[in-house]
Amino acid sequence: MMETIRRHADPLSADGATSDTVEDARHAAVPDDGAPVAEGAPRASTESTKKRKVGEGNKERSGGMLPVVAGDGLQSESDGGAMRADGTLRLLSLWGAASTARYLSAQLTTGKRLDVQATPPLGPWAPVWGRTEGGYKRLRRGVSARLSHTLVLGRECDATRLGVGERTFVVTLRRDRPDQAAEEVYTAFLIALLDEPVDPAWAGWLWRRARAKGEARPLIVWGPVLREAWECDVPTTLRADISAARAGDSPYGDLPIPVGVQAA
């Protein structure tokens, strides 16, 4: 189970990228003086800003262009991200010039606004907001002399940074892991964060409870990497709800009996 937690701590790790994703990114149109700017994107008011589409010919696995993230006239492609409905960012994966990725991620960590176009080149732009409290962790890996993969993770997405006092966490599901269910990752987090015992056999019951109580809320995701993301609260009434389920008085159904344990 802890292996699941460690894998989940870096949901868009460049080390886990498939070879076609890396190869496509190497052929992205990234000039020496920074990332090009997509048509119709929010940009700085300067005549020198280039009006080129990002990543022409750079196709994602579904056949379209990768989403684009923009700020202050600079842009970078994004193969995945997750945010709240109000635009608050939870995680972001950027492919592009290292200097551009550093600048865009720095904007987020100081609470400034970026914009994301999930379906370029003609899709609508949506605001994405960083935040100063809680902070983000930035991970970067060089792919070529001019291209890097930068990952911006909120604390809630990084299981290695969560402590006993944390109140929220984020469950992410990748497209290349169709076998992985939200309830399994959610339960892995609870096992790591709670002092009280939680059995993996309870995963389905725990997830039904979290959804019914509003403790697991879907996030908006984009890109070819993520298929789902959920912002979850650390439960405060779980012990009482488990006791009620054991007594046969739970609105979330019967609590499964762990494997190897005989019913009384």
C-alpha atoms as a PDB file:
ATOM      1  CA  MET A   1       0.000   0.000   0.000  1.00  0.00           C
ATOM      2  CA  MET A   2       2.826   2.419   0.744  1.00  0.00           C
ATOM      3  CA  GLU A   3       4.119   1.705  -2.759  1.00  0.00           C
ATOM      4  CA  THR A   4       0.811   3.054  -4.043  1.00  0.00           C
ATOM      5  CA  ILE A   5       1.279   6.181  -1.923  1.00  0.00           C
ATOM      6  CA  ARG A   6       4.819   6.776  -3.223  1.00  0.00           C
ATOM      7  CA  ARG A   7       3.731   6.321  -6.855  1.00  0.00           C
ATOM      8  CA  HIS A   8       0.821   8.674  -6.320  1.00  0.00           C
ATOM      9  CA  ALA A   9       3.094  11.347  -4.830  1.00  0.00           C
ATOM     10  CA  ASP A  10       4.374  12.227  -8.321  1.00  0.00           C
ATOM     11  CA  PRO A  11       1.300  11.724 -10.534  1.00  0.00           C
ATOM     12  CA  LEU A  12       2.757  13.259 -13.707  1.00  0.00           C
ATOM     13  CA  SER A  13       6.390  12.326 -13.230  1.00  0.00           C
ATOM     14  CA  ALA A  14       8.528  12.781 -16.325  1.00  0.00           C
ATOM     15  CA  ASP A  15      10.199   9.498 -15.442  1.00  0.00           C
ATOM     16  CA  GLY A  16       6.869   7.797 -16.062  1.00  0.00           C
ATOM     17  CA  ALA A  17       6.240   9.474 -19.429  1.00  0.00           C
ATOM     18  CA  THR A  18       5.744   7.149 -22.361  1.00  0.00           C
ATOM     19  CA  SER A  19       8.284   7.237 -25.147  1.00  0.00           C
ATOM     20  CA  ASP A  20       5.813   8.713 -27.646  1.00  0.00           C
ATOM     21  CA  THR A  21       5.037  11.611 -25.300  1.00  0.00           C
ATOM     22  CA  VAL A  22       8.720  12.446 -24.853  1.00  0.00           C
ATOM     23  CA  GLU A  23       9.458  12.094 -28.565  1.00  0.00           C
ATOM     24  CA  ASP A  24       6.528  14.354 -29.503  1.00  0.00           C
ATOM     25  CA  ALA A  25       7.693  16.967 -27.014  1.00  0.00           C
ATOM     26  CA  ARG A  26      11.211  16.995 -28.474  1.00  0.00           C
ATOM     27  CA  HIS A  27       9.752  18.084 -31.818  1.00  0.00           C
ATOM     28  CA  ALA A  28       7.665  20.911 -30.322  1.00  0.00           C
ATOM     29  CA  ALA A  29       8.183  24.327 -31.900  1.00  0.00           C
ATOM     30  CA  VAL A  30      10.118  26.075 -29.117  1.00  0.00           C
ATOM     31  CA  PRO A  31      12.349  28.975 -30.235  1.00  0.00           C
ATOM     32  CA  ASP A  32      15.544  30.029 -28.511  1.00  0.00           C
ATOM     33  CA  ASP A  33      14.012  33.201 -27.064  1.00  0.00           C
ATOM     34  CA  GLY A  34      11.137  31.445 -25.268  1.00  0.00           C
ATOM     35  CA  ALA A  35       7.882  29.652 -25.987  1.00  0.00           C
ATOM     36  CA  PRO A  36       5.721  30.923 -28.863  1.00  0.00           C
ATOM     37  CA  VAL A  37       2.301  32.404 -28.188  1.00  0.00           C
ATOM     38  CA  ALA A  38      -0.897  30.732 -29.381  1.00  0.00           C
ATOM     39  CA  GLU A  39      -3.401  32.657 -31.454  1.00  0.00           C
ATOM     40  CA  GLY A  40      -5.996  34.418 -29.262  1.00  0.00           C
ATOM     41  CA  ALA A  41      -4.109  33.881 -26.011  1.00  0.00           C
ATOM     42  CA  PRO A  42      -3.832  36.457 -23.219  1.00  0.00           C
ATOM     43  CA  ARG A  43      -0.488  38.203 -23.839  1.00  0.00           C
ATOM     44  CA  ALA A  44       1.587  41.159 -22.787  1.00  0.00           C
ATOM     45  CA  SER A  45       1.020  44.395 -24.703  1.00  0.00           C
ATOM     46  CA  THR A  46       4.246  44.423 -26.690  1.00  0.00           C
ATOM     47  CA  GLU A  47       4.903  44.405 -30.413  1.00  0.00           C
ATOM     48  CA  SER A  48       7.772  41.982 -29.940  1.00  0.00           C
ATOM     49  CA  THR A  49       5.476  39.200 -28.651  1.00  0.00           C
ATOM     50  CA  LYS A  50       5.469  36.412 -31.189  1.00  0.00           C
ATOM     51  CA  LYS A  51       2.057  35.365 -32.557  1.00  0.00           C
ATOM     52  CA  ARG A  52       2.750  31.764 -33.315  1.00  0.00           C
ATOM     53  CA  LYS A  53       0.722  28.757 -32.369  1.00  0.00           C
ATOM     54  CA  VAL A  54       2.337  26.567 -29.749  1.00  0.00           C
ATOM     55  CA  GLY A  55       3.500  23.163 -30.823  1.00  0.00           C
ATOM     56  CA  GLU A  56       2.360  23.122 -34.434  1.00  0.00           C
ATOM     57  CA  GLY A  57       2.404  19.507 -35.471  1.00  0.00           C
ATOM     58  CA  ASN A  58       2.964  18.400 -31.890  1.00  0.00           C
ATOM     59  CA  LYS A  59       0.110  15.981 -31.422  1.00  0.00           C
ATOM     60  CA  GLU A  60      -1.006  14.400 -28.194  1.00  0.00           C
ATOM     61  CA  ARG A  61      -1.982  10.760 -28.046  1.00  0.00           C
ATOM     62  CA  SER A  62      -5.634  11.534 -28.809  1.00  0.00           C
ATOM     63  CA  GLY A  63      -4.618  13.237 -32.063  1.00  0.00           C
ATOM     64  CA  GLY A  64      -5.010  16.914 -31.123  1.00  0.00           C
ATOM     65  CA  MET A  65      -2.682  19.614 -29.865  1.00  0.00           C
ATOM     66  CA  LEU A  66      -1.587  19.672 -26.259  1.00  0.00           C
ATOM     67  CA  PRO A  67      -3.307  22.182 -23.950  1.00  0.00           C
ATOM     68  CA  VAL A  68      -1.571  25.540 -23.523  1.00  0.00           C
ATOM     69  CA  VAL A  69      -0.808  27.564 -20.381  1.00  0.00           C
ATOM     70  CA  ALA A  70      -0.119  31.294 -20.787  1.00  0.00           C
ATOM     71  CA  GLY A  71       0.957  34.225 -18.656  1.00  0.00           C
ATOM     72  CA  ASP A  72       2.573  37.642 -19.290  1.00  0.00           C
ATOM     73  CA  GLY A  73       2.975  36.918 -23.004  1.00  0.00           C
ATOM     74  CA  LEU A  74       4.767  33.601 -22.458  1.00  0.00           C
ATOM     75  CA  GLN A  75       3.301  30.167 -23.097  1.00  0.00           C
ATOM     76  CA  SER A  76       4.067  26.508 -22.579  1.00  0.00           C
ATOM     77  CA  GLU A  77       2.354  23.263 -23.483  1.00  0.00           C
ATOM     78  CA  SER A  78       0.754  21.224 -20.701  1.00  0.00           C
ATOM     79  CA  ASP A  79       0.160  17.482 -20.830  1.00  0.00           C
ATOM     80  CA  GLY A  80      -1.899  17.532 -17.649  1.00  0.00           C
ATOM     81  CA  GLY A  81      -3.321  19.625 -14.844  1.00  0.00           C
ATOM     82  CA  ALA A  82      -6.093  19.845 -12.265  1.00  0.00           C
ATOM     83  CA  MET A  83      -7.892  22.790 -10.720  1.00  0.00           C
ATOM     84  CA  ARG A  84     -10.997  23.689  -8.738  1.00  0.00           C
ATOM     85  CA  ALA A  85     -14.049  25.172 -10.451  1.00  0.00           C
ATOM     86  CA  ASP A  86     -12.921  28.591  -9.168  1.00  0.00           C
ATOM     87  CA  GLY A  87      -9.580  28.166 -10.991  1.00  0.00           C
ATOM     88  CA  THR A  88      -7.400  27.381  -7.970  1.00  0.00           C
ATOM     89  CA  LEU A  89      -4.575  25.162  -9.225  1.00  0.00           C
ATOM     90  CA  ARG A  90      -3.786  21.828  -7.614  1.00  0.00           C
ATOM     91  CA  LEU A  91      -1.204  20.457 -10.063  1.00  0.00           C
ATOM     92  CA  LEU A  92       0.319  21.362 -13.425  1.00  0.00           C
ATOM     93  CA  SER A  93       2.669  19.617 -15.847  1.00  0.00           C
ATOM     94  CA  LEU A  94       4.518  21.826 -18.378  1.00  0.00           C
ATOM     95  CA  TRP A  95       6.539  20.953 -21.490  1.00  0.00           C
ATOM     96  CA  GLY A  96       8.609  23.697 -23.067  1.00  0.00           C
ATOM     97  CA  ALA A  97      11.608  25.992 -22.748  1.00  0.00           C
ATOM     98  CA  ALA A  98      13.092  25.702 -19.252  1.00  0.00           C
ATOM     99  CA  SER A  99      13.171  29.470 -18.737  1.00  0.00           C
ATOM    100  CA  THR A 100       9.492  29.805 -19.701  1.00  0.00           C
ATOM    101  CA  ALA A 101       8.423  26.953 -17.417  1.00  0.00           C
ATOM    102  CA  ARG A 102      10.386  28.462 -14.528  1.00  0.00           C
ATOM    103  CA  TYR A 103       8.706  31.826 -15.025  1.00  0.00           C
ATOM    104  CA  LEU A 104       5.173  30.423 -15.336  1.00  0.00           C
ATOM    105  CA  SER A 105       5.545  28.178 -12.302  1.00  0.00           C
ATOM    106  CA  ALA A 106       6.985  31.081 -10.296  1.00  0.00           C
ATOM    107  CA  GLN A 107       3.877  33.108 -11.159  1.00  0.00           C
ATOM    108  CA  LEU A 108       1.718  30.397  -9.642  1.00  0.00           C
ATOM    109  CA  THR A 109       3.726  30.076  -6.455  1.00  0.00           C
ATOM    110  CA  THR A 110       3.314  33.805  -5.815  1.00  0.00           C
ATOM    111  CA  GLY A 111      -0.468  33.625  -6.211  1.00  0.00           C
ATOM    112  CA  LYS A 112      -0.697  35.203  -9.656  1.00  0.00           C
ATOM    113  CA  ARG A 113      -2.983  34.304 -12.544  1.00  0.00           C
ATOM    114  CA  LEU A 114      -2.270  32.206 -15.610  1.00  0.00           C
ATOM    115  CA  ASP A 115      -4.676  31.112 -18.347  1.00  0.00           C
ATOM    116  CA  VAL A 116      -5.192  27.611 -19.730  1.00  0.00           C
ATOM    117  CA  GLN A 117      -6.577  26.608 -23.130  1.00  0.00           C
ATOM    118  CA  ALA A 118      -7.573  22.970 -22.776  1.00  0.00           C
ATOM    119  CA  THR A 119      -8.550  22.492 -26.448  1.00  0.00           C
ATOM    120  CA  PRO A 120      -6.239  24.569 -28.698  1.00  0.00           C
ATOM    121  CA  PRO A 121      -6.099  26.267 -31.057  1.00  0.00           C
ATOM    122  CA  LEU A 122      -9.672  27.627 -30.909  1.00  0.00           C
ATOM    123  CA  GLY A 123     -10.962  26.533 -27.509  1.00  0.00           C
ATOM    124  CA  PRO A 124     -11.868  29.019 -24.754  1.00  0.00           C
ATOM    125  CA  TRP A 125      -9.303  30.261 -22.224  1.00  0.00           C
ATOM    126  CA  ALA A 126      -9.922  29.738 -18.497  1.00  0.00           C
ATOM    127  CA  PRO A 127      -8.115  31.490 -15.629  1.00  0.00           C
ATOM    128  CA  VAL A 128      -5.878  29.451 -13.319  1.00  0.00           C
ATOM    129  CA  TRP A 129      -4.830  30.894  -9.991  1.00  0.00           C
ATOM    130  CA  GLY A 130      -1.862  30.004  -7.838  1.00  0.00           C
ATOM    131  CA  ARG A 131      -1.712  30.636  -4.123  1.00  0.00           C
ATOM    132  CA  THR A 132       0.862  31.692  -1.600  1.00  0.00           C
ATOM    133  CA  GLU A 133      -0.367  29.700   1.407  1.00  0.00           C
ATOM    134  CA  GLY A 134       0.478  26.016   1.551  1.00  0.00           C
ATOM    135  CA  GLY A 135       2.891  26.342  -1.340  1.00  0.00           C
ATOM    136  CA  TYR A 136       3.840  24.182  -4.275  1.00  0.00           C
ATOM    137  CA  LYS A 137       6.785  21.951  -5.045  1.00  0.00           C
ATOM    138  CA  ARG A 138       8.477  22.300  -8.439  1.00  0.00           C
ATOM    139  CA  LEU A 139      10.207  19.346 -10.082  1.00  0.00           C
ATOM    140  CA  ARG A 140      12.110  19.692 -13.341  1.00  0.00           C
ATOM    141  CA  ARG A 141      13.830  17.289 -15.742  1.00  0.00           C
ATOM    142  CA  GLY A 142      15.764  18.321 -18.824  1.00  0.00           C
ATOM    143  CA  VAL A 143      14.720  16.542 -22.023  1.00  0.00           C
ATOM    144  CA  SER A 144      17.003  18.333 -24.486  1.00  0.00           C
ATOM    145  CA  ALA A 145      19.148  21.457 -24.654  1.00  0.00           C
ATOM    146  CA  ARG A 146      16.072  23.672 -25.024  1.00  0.00           C
ATOM    147  CA  LEU A 147      13.229  21.567 -23.623  1.00  0.00           C
ATOM    148  CA  SER A 148      12.317  20.574 -20.086  1.00  0.00           C
ATOM    149  CA  HIS A 149       9.461  18.909 -18.239  1.00  0.00           C
ATOM    150  CA  THR A 150       8.367  20.907 -15.183  1.00  0.00           C
ATOM    151  CA  LEU A 151       5.889  19.594 -12.620  1.00  0.00           C
ATOM    152  CA  VAL A 152       4.170  21.962 -10.176  1.00  0.00           C
ATOM    153  CA  LEU A 153       2.576  20.054  -7.290  1.00  0.00           C
ATOM    154  CA  GLY A 154       0.366  21.414  -4.542  1.00  0.00           C
ATOM    155  CA  ARG A 155       0.971  19.980  -1.089  1.00  0.00           C
ATOM    156  CA  GLU A 156      -2.275  18.034  -1.373  1.00  0.00           C
ATOM    157  CA  CYS A 157      -0.949  16.047  -4.352  1.00  0.00           C
ATOM    158  CA  ASP A 158       2.309  15.044  -2.693  1.00  0.00           C
ATOM    159  CA  ALA A 159       1.802  12.299  -0.108  1.00  0.00           C
ATOM    160  CA  THR A 160       5.399  12.642   1.093  1.00  0.00           C
ATOM    161  CA  ARG A 161       4.648  16.176   2.367  1.00  0.00           C
ATOM    162  CA  LEU A 162       1.381  15.459   4.172  1.00  0.00           C
ATOM    163  CA  GLY A 163       1.321  15.247   7.959  1.00  0.00           C
ATOM    164  CA  VAL A 164      -1.151  14.270  10.660  1.00  0.00           C
ATOM    165  CA  GLY A 165      -2.556  17.795  10.827  1.00  0.00           C
ATOM    166  CA  GLU A 166      -3.375  18.025   7.102  1.00  0.00           C
ATOM    167  CA  ARG A 167      -7.058  18.502   6.267  1.00  0.00           C
ATOM    168  CA  THR A 168      -7.188  17.922   2.483  1.00  0.00           C
ATOM    169  CA  PHE A 169      -5.498  15.766  -0.139  1.00  0.00           C
ATOM    170  CA  VAL A 170      -5.887  15.143  -3.887  1.00  0.00           C
ATOM    171  CA  VAL A 171      -6.557  11.797  -5.567  1.00  0.00           C
ATOM    172  CA  THR A 172      -5.355  11.605  -9.191  1.00  0.00           C
ATOM    173  CA  LEU A 173      -5.969   8.860 -11.763  1.00  0.00           C
ATOM    174  CA  ARG A 174      -3.819   8.495 -14.894  1.00  0.00           C
ATOM    175  CA  ARG A 175      -5.070   7.397 -18.304  1.00  0.00           C
ATOM    176  CA  ASP A 176      -2.252   4.874 -18.585  1.00  0.00           C
ATOM    177  CA  ARG A 177      -3.502   3.174 -15.390  1.00  0.00           C
ATOM    178  CA  PRO A 178      -7.069   2.131 -16.327  1.00  0.00           C
ATOM    179  CA  ASP A 179      -6.939  -0.531 -13.619  1.00  0.00           C
ATOM    180  CA  GLN A 180      -6.554   2.051 -10.853  1.00  0.00           C
ATOM    181  CA  ALA A 181      -9.735   3.182  -9.089  1.00  0.00           C
ATOM    182  CA  ALA A 182     -10.297   6.386  -7.129  1.00  0.00           C
ATOM    183  CA  GLU A 183     -11.445   4.413  -4.097  1.00  0.00           C
ATOM    184  CA  GLU A 184      -8.124   2.541  -3.936  1.00  0.00           C
ATOM    185  CA  VAL A 185      -5.979   5.683  -4.021  1.00  0.00           C
ATOM    186  CA  TYR A 186      -8.317   7.413  -1.551  1.00  0.00           C
ATOM    187  CA  THR A 187      -8.027   4.509   0.883  1.00  0.00           C
ATOM    188  CA  ALA A 188      -4.227   4.483   0.522  1.00  0.00           C
ATOM    189  CA  PHE A 189      -4.170   8.121   1.624  1.00  0.00           C
ATOM    190  CA  LEU A 190      -6.370   7.374   4.646  1.00  0.00           C
ATOM    191  CA  ILE A 191      -4.112   4.513   5.694  1.00  0.00           C
ATOM    192  CA  ALA A 192      -1.112   6.857   5.549  1.00  0.00           C
ATOM    193  CA  LEU A 193      -2.764   9.860   7.240  1.00  0.00           C
ATOM    194  CA  LEU A 194      -5.003   8.431   9.965  1.00  0.00           C
ATOM    195  CA  ASP A 195      -3.967   6.963  13.294  1.00  0.00           C
ATOM    196  CA  GLU A 196      -7.028   4.716  13.434  1.00  0.00           C
ATOM    197  CA  PRO A 197      -6.898   1.419  11.510  1.00  0.00           C
ATOM    198  CA  VAL A 198      -8.287   1.375   7.969  1.00  0.00           C
ATOM    199  CA  ASP A 199      -8.506  -1.857   5.986  1.00  0.00           C
ATOM    200  CA  PRO A 200      -8.059  -1.871   2.168  1.00  0.00           C
ATOM    201  CA  ALA A 201     -11.128  -4.126   1.953  1.00  0.00           C
ATOM    202  CA  TRP A 202     -13.229  -1.132   3.022  1.00  0.00           C
ATOM    203  CA  ALA A 203     -12.235   0.921  -0.058  1.00  0.00           C
ATOM    204  CA  GLY A 204     -15.645   0.790  -1.756  1.00  0.00           C
ATOM    205  CA  TRP A 205     -17.506   1.648   1.450  1.00  0.00           C
ATOM    206  CA  LEU A 206     -15.079   4.452   2.319  1.00  0.00           C
ATOM    207  CA  TRP A 207     -15.446   6.024  -1.129  1.00  0.00           C
ATOM    208  CA  ARG A 208     -19.266   5.832  -1.056  1.00  0.00           C
ATOM    209  CA  ARG A 209     -19.209   7.523   2.344  1.00  0.00           C
ATOM    210  CA  ALA A 210     -16.811  10.263   1.174  1.00  0.00           C
ATOM    211  CA  ARG A 211     -18.894  11.045  -1.925  1.00  0.00           C
ATOM    212  CA  ALA A 212     -22.176  11.070   0.026  1.00  0.00           C
ATOM    213  CA  LYS A 213     -20.789  13.395   2.728  1.00  0.00           C
ATOM    214  CA  GLY A 214     -19.207  15.779   0.231  1.00  0.00           C
ATOM    215  CA  GLU A 215     -15.694  14.881   1.408  1.00  0.00           C
ATOM    216  CA  ALA A 216     -14.574  13.992  -2.147  1.00  0.00           C
ATOM    217  CA  ARG A 217     -15.145  16.636  -4.827  1.00  0.00           C
ATOM    218  CA  PRO A 218     -14.218  16.314  -8.529  1.00  0.00           C
ATOM    219  CA  LEU A 219     -11.609  18.669  -9.979  1.00  0.00           C
ATOM    220  CA  ILE A 220     -11.398  19.961 -13.544  1.00  0.00           C
ATOM    221  CA  VAL A 221      -8.616  18.145 -15.422  1.00  0.00           C
ATOM    222  CA  TRP A 222      -7.014  18.620 -18.838  1.00  0.00           C
ATOM    223  CA  GLY A 223      -4.418  16.954 -21.032  1.00  0.00           C
ATOM    224  CA  PRO A 224      -3.754  13.386 -22.166  1.00  0.00           C
ATOM    225  CA  VAL A 225      -2.285  12.185 -18.853  1.00  0.00           C
ATOM    226  CA  LEU A 226      -5.008  12.630 -16.222  1.00  0.00           C
ATOM    227  CA  ARG A 227      -8.480  11.109 -16.502  1.00  0.00           C
ATOM    228  CA  GLU A 228      -9.791  12.104 -13.049  1.00  0.00           C
ATOM    229  CA  ALA A 229      -8.808  14.129  -9.994  1.00  0.00           C
ATOM    230  CA  TRP A 230     -10.596  14.567  -6.666  1.00  0.00           C
ATOM    231  CA  GLU A 231     -10.013  16.981  -3.811  1.00  0.00           C
ATOM    232  CA  CYS A 232     -10.723  15.131  -0.571  1.00  0.00           C
ATOM    233  CA  ASP A 233     -11.140  16.132   3.069  1.00  0.00           C
ATOM    234  CA  VAL A 234      -9.512  14.092   5.804  1.00  0.00           C
ATOM    235  CA  PRO A 235     -12.585  12.598   7.565  1.00  0.00           C
ATOM    236  CA  THR A 236     -13.332  13.681  11.123  1.00  0.00           C
ATOM    237  CA  THR A 237     -16.286  11.366  11.871  1.00  0.00           C
ATOM    238  CA  LEU A 238     -14.931   8.171  10.341  1.00  0.00           C
ATOM    239  CA  ARG A 239     -14.642   6.254  13.613  1.00  0.00           C
ATOM    240  CA  ALA A 240     -18.294   6.894  14.493  1.00  0.00           C
ATOM    241  CA  ASP A 241     -19.425   5.979  10.980  1.00  0.00           C
ATOM    242  CA  ILE A 242     -17.451   2.721  11.084  1.00  0.00           C
ATOM    243  CA  SER A 243     -19.017   1.846  14.440  1.00  0.00           C
ATOM    244  CA  ALA A 244     -22.487   2.505  12.998  1.00  0.00           C
ATOM    245  CA  ALA A 245     -21.702   0.315   9.971  1.00  0.00           C
ATOM    246  CA  ARG A 246     -20.539  -2.535  12.200  1.00  0.00           C
ATOM    247  CA  ALA A 247     -23.844  -2.253  14.064  1.00  0.00           C
ATOM    248  CA  GLY A 248     -25.747  -2.480  10.778  1.00  0.00           C
ATOM    249  CA  ASP A 249     -26.928   1.128  10.954  1.00  0.00           C
ATOM    250  CA  SER A 250     -25.040   2.891   8.163  1.00  0.00           C
ATOM    251  CA  PRO A 251     -26.561   4.789   5.200  1.00  0.00           C
ATOM    252  CA  TYR A 252     -23.451   3.863   3.188  1.00  0.00           C
ATOM    253  CA  GLY A 253     -24.080   0.114   3.205  1.00  0.00           C
ATOM    254  CA  ASP A 254     -22.486  -2.789   5.033  1.00  0.00           C
ATOM    255  CA  LEU A 255     -18.835  -2.605   6.008  1.00  0.00           C
ATOM    256  CA  PRO A 256     -16.957  -5.408   4.178  1.00  0.00           C
ATOM    257  CA  ILE A 257     -15.266  -8.027   6.279  1.00  0.00           C
ATOM    258  CA  PRO A 258     -11.475  -8.010   5.708  1.00  0.00           C
ATOM    259  CA  VAL A 259      -9.985 -11.027   3.964  1.00  0.00           C
ATOM    260  CA  GLY A 260      -9.009 -13.748   6.441  1.00  0.00           C
ATOM    261  CA  VAL A 261     -11.427 -12.532   9.139  1.00  0.00           C
ATOM    262  CA  GLN A 262     -14.387 -14.771   9.890  1.00  0.00           C
ATOM    263  CA  ALA A 263     -17.779 -13.227  10.612  1.00  0.00           C
ATOM    264  CA  ALA A 264     -19.012 -13.644  14.152  1.00  0.00           C
END
